[in-house]
């Protein structure tokens, strides 16, 4: 098929200390991985429920993300997802992401 240049995605964000824009009092990276792993399991069943438990910046509709915006490793995973597919946790500069491809 035709390569899509922008995909609509939803994201659950789990911030941790040291990530960009994370509050000083954010959880440790280890705690973030534990929570993000749990939210990833929830996200496979009910993405909205996972978004509700994620940090500020989580969204059921991030909009269309064009190629070249995300880190290459994250972009490869996101753009390889089937429609409705969920991936993560993915480590990004902003924290851990659980991502769902909308269409």
Protein backbone atom coordinates (compact mmCIF):
# COMPACT_ATOMS: atom_id res chain seq x y z
CA UNK A 1 0.00 0.00 0.00
CA UNK A 2 0.87 3.64 -0.05
CA UNK A 3 3.21 4.75 2.73
CA UNK A 4 1.31 7.00 5.13
CA UNK A 5 3.21 10.14 5.97
CA UNK A 6 1.19 10.95 9.08
CA UNK A 7 -0.56 8.58 11.47
CA UNK A 8 -3.25 9.41 14.00
CA UNK A 9 -2.16 8.04 17.36
CA UNK A 10 -3.18 7.97 21.03
CA UNK A 11 -0.58 8.04 23.77
CA UNK A 12 -0.38 7.13 27.44
CA UNK A 13 2.54 9.04 28.96
CA UNK A 14 4.33 7.89 32.11
CA UNK A 15 6.89 10.52 33.12
CA UNK A 16 9.92 9.87 35.32
CA UNK A 17 12.60 12.01 36.96
CA UNK A 18 15.02 13.30 34.37
CA UNK A 19 12.61 13.07 31.42
CA UNK A 20 11.88 16.28 29.51
CA UNK A 21 9.16 18.38 31.17
CA UNK A 22 8.80 15.85 34.02
CA UNK A 23 8.15 17.41 37.42
CA UNK A 24 10.99 17.27 39.93
CA UNK A 25 8.87 15.02 42.12
CA UNK A 26 8.25 12.53 39.31
CA UNK A 27 8.60 8.80 40.00
CA UNK A 28 11.85 6.93 39.44
CA UNK A 29 12.53 5.32 36.08
CA UNK A 30 11.99 1.86 37.62
CA UNK A 31 8.60 2.89 39.02
CA UNK A 32 7.72 4.39 35.65
CA UNK A 33 8.53 1.11 33.85
CA UNK A 34 6.37 -0.86 36.30
CA UNK A 35 3.41 1.50 35.86
CA UNK A 36 3.83 1.78 32.08
CA UNK A 37 3.93 -2.02 31.77
CA UNK A 38 0.71 -2.29 33.76
CA UNK A 39 -0.96 0.45 31.69
CA UNK A 40 0.20 -1.27 28.49
CA UNK A 41 -1.74 -4.39 29.51
CA UNK A 42 -4.83 -2.27 30.29
CA UNK A 43 -4.41 -0.40 27.00
CA UNK A 44 -4.77 -3.61 24.99
CA UNK A 45 -8.27 -4.02 26.48
CA UNK A 46 -9.38 -0.40 27.08
CA UNK A 47 -7.12 2.38 25.84
CA UNK A 48 -9.28 5.15 27.33
CA UNK A 49 -8.90 3.59 30.81
CA UNK A 50 -5.12 3.54 30.37
CA UNK A 51 -5.12 7.20 29.24
CA UNK A 52 -7.13 8.13 32.34
CA UNK A 53 -4.42 6.62 34.56
CA UNK A 54 -1.51 8.10 32.62
CA UNK A 55 0.23 11.39 33.38
CA UNK A 56 -0.61 14.84 32.00
CA UNK A 57 0.26 14.66 28.32
CA UNK A 58 -1.60 11.38 27.85
CA UNK A 59 -4.27 11.73 25.18
CA UNK A 60 -6.84 9.56 23.42
CA UNK A 61 -6.15 11.72 20.34
CA UNK A 62 -2.71 13.19 19.79
CA UNK A 63 -3.67 13.93 16.20
CA UNK A 64 -1.64 12.96 13.15
CA UNK A 65 2.05 12.49 13.75
CA UNK A 66 4.15 12.97 10.62
CA UNK A 67 7.28 10.98 9.89
CA UNK A 68 10.46 12.61 11.13
CA UNK A 69 8.98 14.03 14.35
CA UNK A 70 9.49 11.11 16.73
CA UNK A 71 12.81 9.55 17.68
CA UNK A 72 13.76 6.99 14.96
CA UNK A 73 13.39 3.94 17.25
CA UNK A 74 9.95 5.09 18.45
CA UNK A 75 8.84 6.06 14.93
CA UNK A 76 9.76 2.61 13.57
CA UNK A 77 7.51 0.92 16.15
CA UNK A 78 4.61 3.37 15.75
CA UNK A 79 4.58 3.28 11.95
CA UNK A 80 4.81 -0.53 11.94
CA UNK A 81 1.68 -0.93 14.10
CA UNK A 82 -1.44 -2.36 12.50
CA UNK A 83 -4.63 -0.28 12.78
CA UNK A 84 -5.81 -0.54 16.38
CA UNK A 85 -2.44 -1.96 17.42
CA UNK A 86 -0.92 -1.06 20.78
CA UNK A 87 2.83 -0.91 21.52
CA UNK A 88 4.92 0.01 24.49
CA UNK A 89 6.23 0.98 26.85
CA UNK A 90 8.55 2.90 24.52
CA UNK A 91 11.28 5.04 26.05
CA UNK A 92 11.15 8.63 24.71
CA UNK A 93 12.85 11.84 25.90
CA UNK A 94 9.51 12.85 27.48
CA UNK A 95 9.05 9.60 29.39
CA UNK A 96 7.56 6.20 28.64
CA UNK A 97 4.84 5.94 26.01
CA UNK A 98 2.17 3.36 25.38
CA UNK A 99 0.90 4.08 21.86
CA UNK A 100 -2.16 3.03 19.88
CA UNK A 101 -2.56 3.51 16.16
CA UNK A 102 -6.03 4.89 15.44
CA UNK A 103 -6.36 4.20 11.72
